[in-house]
Protein backbone atom coordinates (compact mmCIF):
# COMPACT_ATOMS: atom_id res chain seq x y z
CA MET A 1 -10.26 13.37 22.12
CA GLN A 2 -9.30 12.22 25.74
CA GLY A 3 -5.76 13.10 26.61
CA ASP A 4 -3.26 12.12 23.96
CA ARG A 5 -5.46 9.39 22.48
CA LEU A 6 -6.38 9.86 18.85
CA ILE A 7 -8.24 6.61 18.42
CA GLU A 8 -10.84 5.32 21.03
CA ALA A 9 -11.00 1.72 21.88
CA SER A 10 -14.45 1.46 20.32
CA GLU A 11 -12.95 2.38 16.84
CA GLY A 12 -10.67 -0.76 16.89
CA PRO A 13 -6.95 -1.02 16.03
CA ALA A 14 -5.14 0.90 13.44
CA PHE A 15 -4.47 -2.08 11.27
CA ALA A 16 -6.04 -5.43 10.27
CA VAL A 17 -4.37 -8.69 9.40
CA ARG A 18 -6.09 -11.16 6.91
CA ARG A 19 -4.90 -14.74 6.76
CA PRO A 20 -2.24 -14.38 9.38
CA GLY A 21 -1.12 -18.05 8.88
CA GLY A 22 -1.04 -17.69 5.07
CA ALA A 23 1.16 -20.29 3.42
CA SER A 24 2.32 -18.10 0.54
CA GLU A 25 5.77 -16.51 0.68
CA VAL A 26 4.03 -13.34 -0.43
CA VAL A 27 3.19 -10.72 2.35
CA LEU A 28 0.66 -8.20 1.09
CA VAL A 29 0.45 -4.59 2.38
CA CYS A 30 -2.35 -2.09 1.67
CA GLU A 31 -1.37 1.34 3.23
CA HIS A 32 -4.33 3.23 1.76
CA ALA A 33 -7.16 0.64 2.19
CA SER A 34 -9.67 2.81 4.01
CA ARG A 35 -11.39 6.21 3.94
CA THR A 36 -12.50 5.96 7.63
CA MET A 37 -11.47 9.06 9.56
CA PRO A 38 -10.72 8.80 13.35
CA LYS A 39 -13.64 10.34 15.19
CA ALA A 40 -11.36 12.64 17.01
CA LEU A 41 -10.40 14.35 13.66
CA GLY A 42 -13.97 14.90 12.44
CA THR A 43 -13.91 15.57 8.70
CA LEU A 44 -10.63 17.64 8.55
CA GLY A 45 -12.78 20.47 7.21
CA LEU A 46 -13.65 18.49 4.01
CA ASP A 47 -16.97 17.72 2.46
CA GLN A 48 -18.34 14.33 1.77
CA ALA A 49 -17.37 14.23 -1.87
CA ALA A 50 -13.64 14.81 -0.87
CA LEU A 51 -13.79 12.18 1.90
CA GLU A 52 -15.01 9.61 -0.53
CA SER A 53 -12.47 10.57 -3.29
CA HIS A 54 -9.09 9.22 -4.15
CA ILE A 55 -7.38 11.72 -1.78
CA ALA A 56 -8.77 9.85 1.13
CA TRP A 57 -7.90 6.33 0.14
CA ASP A 58 -6.81 4.21 -2.78
CA ILE A 59 -10.17 3.30 -4.38
CA GLY A 60 -10.40 -0.50 -5.12
CA ALA A 61 -6.98 -1.30 -3.71
CA MET A 62 -8.30 -3.17 -0.65
CA GLY A 63 -10.71 -5.21 -2.65
CA VAL A 64 -7.80 -6.31 -4.90
CA ALA A 65 -5.51 -6.99 -2.07
CA GLU A 66 -8.17 -9.20 -0.34
CA ARG A 67 -8.87 -11.21 -3.31
CA LEU A 68 -5.04 -11.55 -3.91
CA SER A 69 -4.72 -12.69 -0.40
CA ASP A 70 -7.43 -15.51 -1.00
CA LEU A 71 -6.03 -16.53 -4.36
CA LEU A 72 -2.51 -16.91 -3.06
CA ASP A 73 -3.11 -17.77 0.55
CA ALA A 74 -1.09 -14.71 1.46
CA THR A 75 -1.12 -12.70 4.69
CA LEU A 76 -2.44 -9.15 4.21
CA ILE A 77 -1.72 -6.15 6.50
CA SER A 78 -3.98 -3.19 5.95
CA GLN A 79 -4.37 0.24 7.52
CA ARG A 80 -7.94 0.83 8.83
CA PHE A 81 -7.96 4.62 8.78
CA SER A 82 -7.64 7.24 5.92
CA ARG A 83 -4.31 8.40 4.60
CA LEU A 84 -5.49 12.03 5.25
CA ALA A 85 -5.12 11.33 8.93
CA TYR A 86 -1.73 9.68 8.32
CA ASP A 87 -0.26 8.49 5.07
CA CYS A 88 1.47 5.30 6.08
CA ASN A 89 3.65 5.10 3.00
CA ARG A 90 5.48 8.23 4.31
CA PRO A 91 7.87 8.54 7.22
CA PRO A 92 6.94 10.79 10.18
CA GLU A 93 9.33 13.41 9.21
CA SER A 94 7.69 13.86 5.79
CA ALA A 95 5.13 16.68 5.40
CA ASP A 96 3.20 14.44 2.92
CA ALA A 97 2.46 12.16 5.96
CA TYR A 98 -0.05 14.79 7.13
CA PRO A 99 -0.90 16.43 3.82
CA GLU A 100 -2.18 20.01 3.96
CA ARG A 101 -3.00 19.83 0.24
CA SER A 102 -3.81 16.72 -1.85
CA GLU A 103 -4.06 17.29 -5.60
CA VAL A 104 -6.65 20.13 -5.99
CA PHE A 105 -8.03 19.68 -2.41
CA GLU A 106 -6.94 21.80 0.58
CA VAL A 107 -7.12 19.89 3.87
CA PRO A 108 -7.93 22.49 6.47
CA GLY A 109 -7.58 20.09 9.38
CA ASN A 110 -4.00 19.26 8.49
CA ARG A 111 -2.84 22.87 8.43
CA ALA A 112 -0.09 23.93 10.75
CA LEU A 113 0.09 20.90 12.82
CA ASP A 114 2.44 21.20 15.75
CA LEU A 115 4.89 18.56 16.80
CA GLY A 116 2.40 17.16 19.44
CA ASP A 117 -0.34 16.79 16.81
CA ARG A 118 2.01 14.91 14.44
CA SER A 119 3.36 12.75 17.26
CA ARG A 120 -0.04 11.69 18.27
CA ARG A 121 -0.97 10.66 14.75
CA THR A 122 2.38 8.80 14.35
CA ALA A 123 1.85 6.89 17.51
CA ALA A 124 -1.70 6.05 16.78
CA LEU A 125 -1.60 5.13 13.08
CA TYR A 126 1.97 4.74 11.75
CA ASP A 127 3.74 3.06 14.53
CA PRO A 128 1.37 0.13 15.09
CA PHE A 129 0.82 -0.44 11.47
CA HIS A 130 4.52 -0.77 10.63
CA ARG A 131 5.15 -2.84 13.75
CA ALA A 132 2.42 -5.18 12.50
CA ILE A 133 4.40 -5.54 9.18
CA GLU A 134 7.69 -6.07 10.96
CA THR A 135 6.14 -8.73 13.27
CA VAL A 136 4.94 -10.84 10.21
CA LEU A 137 8.17 -10.42 8.31
CA ASP A 138 10.46 -10.97 11.16
CA GLU A 139 8.63 -14.19 12.26
CA ARG A 140 8.95 -15.63 8.73
CA THR A 141 12.52 -14.86 8.47
CA THR A 142 13.25 -16.36 11.82
CA GLN A 143 11.53 -19.46 10.74
CA GLY A 144 13.59 -19.61 7.64
CA ARG A 145 10.70 -19.07 5.36
CA ALA A 146 11.11 -17.41 1.87
CA VAL A 147 9.24 -14.09 2.03
CA VAL A 148 8.55 -11.25 -0.50
CA LEU A 149 6.79 -7.95 0.17
CA VAL A 150 4.03 -6.66 -2.24
CA THR A 151 2.21 -3.43 -1.60
CA VAL A 152 -1.18 -2.68 -3.34
CA HIS A 153 -2.19 0.72 -4.36
CA SER A 154 -4.50 2.39 -7.00
CA PHE A 155 -4.16 5.76 -8.92
CA THR A 156 -6.72 8.11 -10.33
CA PRO A 157 -7.13 8.18 -14.12
CA VAL A 158 -7.00 12.10 -14.08
CA TYR A 159 -4.47 13.94 -11.95
CA PHE A 160 -4.22 17.74 -11.98
CA GLY A 161 -6.36 17.64 -15.18
CA LYS A 162 -3.86 15.19 -17.03
CA SER A 163 -5.11 11.83 -18.22
CA ARG A 164 -3.28 8.79 -17.38
CA ASP A 165 -3.89 5.98 -19.76
CA GLY A 166 -1.81 3.10 -18.11
CA PHE A 167 -3.50 0.20 -16.53
CA LEU A 168 -0.87 -1.13 -14.15
CA GLY A 169 2.42 0.29 -12.67
CA ILE A 170 5.12 -2.08 -11.24
CA LEU A 171 7.31 0.04 -8.96
CA HIS A 172 10.59 -0.66 -7.18
CA ASP A 173 13.33 1.24 -5.35
CA GLU A 174 16.96 -0.08 -5.61
CA ASP A 175 16.00 -3.81 -5.61
CA SER A 176 14.39 -4.41 -8.98
CA ARG A 177 14.47 -8.24 -8.88
CA LEU A 178 10.81 -8.90 -8.37
CA ALA A 179 9.70 -5.96 -10.56
CA ASP A 180 11.89 -7.13 -13.44
CA ALA A 181 10.59 -10.66 -13.29
CA MET A 182 6.78 -9.37 -13.04
CA LEU A 183 7.42 -7.01 -16.01
CA ASP A 184 8.85 -9.87 -18.10
CA ALA A 185 5.92 -12.05 -17.14
CA ALA A 186 3.44 -9.27 -18.12
CA ALA A 187 5.19 -8.91 -21.47
CA ALA A 188 5.04 -12.74 -22.09
CA ALA A 189 1.38 -12.62 -21.25
CA GLN A 190 0.85 -9.62 -23.53
CA LEU A 191 -0.81 -7.68 -20.96
CA GLU A 192 -1.31 -4.19 -22.18
CA ARG A 193 -0.32 -0.80 -20.49
CA VAL A 194 1.82 -2.25 -17.87
CA SER A 195 4.72 -0.01 -17.00
CA ARG A 196 7.74 0.27 -14.74
CA ASN A 197 7.65 2.99 -12.00
CA TYR A 198 4.24 4.34 -13.37
CA PRO A 199 2.53 6.69 -12.61
CA TYR A 200 5.24 7.58 -9.84
CA GLY A 201 8.81 6.35 -9.13
CA PRO A 202 11.12 6.37 -6.11
CA GLU A 203 12.08 9.94 -6.77
CA ASP A 204 8.55 10.96 -5.94
CA GLY A 205 9.01 9.57 -2.35
CA VAL A 206 6.42 6.71 -2.77
CA THR A 207 8.59 3.71 -1.72
CA HIS A 208 8.90 4.23 1.97
CA THR A 209 7.20 0.85 2.85
CA LEU A 210 9.51 -0.95 0.35
CA LYS A 211 12.66 0.68 1.81
CA ARG A 212 11.71 0.31 5.46
CA HIS A 213 10.72 -3.37 5.21
CA GLY A 214 12.17 -4.75 2.01
CA LEU A 215 15.44 -3.15 1.21
CA THR A 216 16.52 -3.42 4.95
CA ARG A 217 15.87 -7.19 4.99
CA GLN A 218 17.07 -7.69 1.49
CA ILE A 219 13.89 -9.46 0.49
CA GLY A 220 12.17 -9.20 -2.91
CA ASN A 221 9.70 -6.35 -2.96
CA VAL A 222 7.40 -4.50 -5.32
CA MET A 223 4.73 -1.77 -5.22
CA LEU A 224 1.69 -2.23 -7.48
CA GLU A 225 -0.39 0.74 -8.70
CA ILE A 226 -3.68 -0.12 -10.55
CA ARG A 227 -5.84 2.57 -12.28
CA ASN A 228 -8.78 2.93 -9.96
CA ASP A 229 -11.57 3.08 -12.60
CA LEU A 230 -10.64 -0.43 -13.49
CA ILE A 231 -11.10 -1.83 -9.91
CA SER A 232 -13.77 0.37 -8.44
CA ALA A 233 -16.25 -2.53 -8.71
CA GLU A 234 -15.92 -6.20 -7.37
CA ALA A 235 -15.74 -7.63 -11.00
CA GLY A 236 -12.65 -5.50 -11.88
CA GLN A 237 -11.07 -6.26 -8.54
CA LEU A 238 -11.26 -9.90 -9.25
CA VAL A 239 -9.94 -9.62 -12.87
CA TRP A 240 -6.93 -7.74 -11.70
CA ALA A 241 -6.29 -9.77 -8.69
CA GLU A 242 -6.22 -12.89 -10.82
CA ARG A 243 -3.94 -11.23 -13.36
CA ILE A 244 -1.57 -9.99 -10.56
CA ALA A 245 -1.66 -13.42 -9.02
CA GLY A 246 -0.54 -14.99 -12.35
CA LEU A 247 2.28 -12.44 -12.72
CA LEU A 248 3.48 -13.19 -9.19
CA ARG A 249 3.37 -16.96 -9.60
CA VAL A 250 5.58 -16.75 -12.75
CA ALA A 251 7.91 -14.19 -11.32
CA LEU A 252 8.52 -16.09 -8.11
CA GLU A 253 9.07 -19.25 -10.05
CA ARG A 254 11.64 -17.49 -12.21
CA LEU A 255 13.48 -16.14 -9.17
CA THR A 256 13.60 -19.65 -7.77
CA ASP A 257 14.97 -21.12 -10.97
CA GLU A 258 17.66 -18.41 -11.10
CA GLY A 259 18.65 -19.25 -7.48
CA GLY A 260 17.64 -15.63 -6.38
CA ARG A 261 17.32 -15.40 -2.65
CA ARG A 262 14.01 -14.24 -1.34
CA HIS A 263 14.77 -14.10 2.32
CA ALA A 264 17.51 -12.61 4.34
């Protein structure tokens, strides 16, 4: 690593934007889209199996997000590096932003990071990613466009040895408008194993992106969690993207009918 730079120019930016001119009011975010590690961090002391596992990224989430982006003509902002380098759904002051342990895996390269190490990772990965989200949302609200925020994640079917049998979690923090409408739409469509705040909830510290960008702007926001064995292949990603796109269309129509504001 040269000086204070964590990511070299040859590695590209920390984030990617798909369909920047998307017509949909939905803005998609995928914080855990990639398992790519910045070259300067090597493997963080992990073997290849760990670096390909769910601790490094949300398996299948980016595939679903990309297909949702295309189905809805929605802008998608994604992180291009592993959450083991920096978990962009955590604020810089959180220890979980630089996890020393993830489920059953120790992460040696994240042990005892000093303030300088944390600051370099924040500046290289967290700050530009969240500035990119802010830019998209602020441009739309300035233009008077309706906008809602949808973040896309996946969860492992077995966590600390315990099986999780749910298919889709619809998560929210203090603002439940969009989540309520999507859950009602799922019930009407008789979709199985769809639950509120599953397998995590705001008490677990997983709603940072919603709070930073959704609650502060008072725009509709929701976090989606899909079981990763359902979306590890392209066929499953398309199935779940189509299901979620349908839920979002129904939910947004309902909010419109009810006169709910979806922009600040």
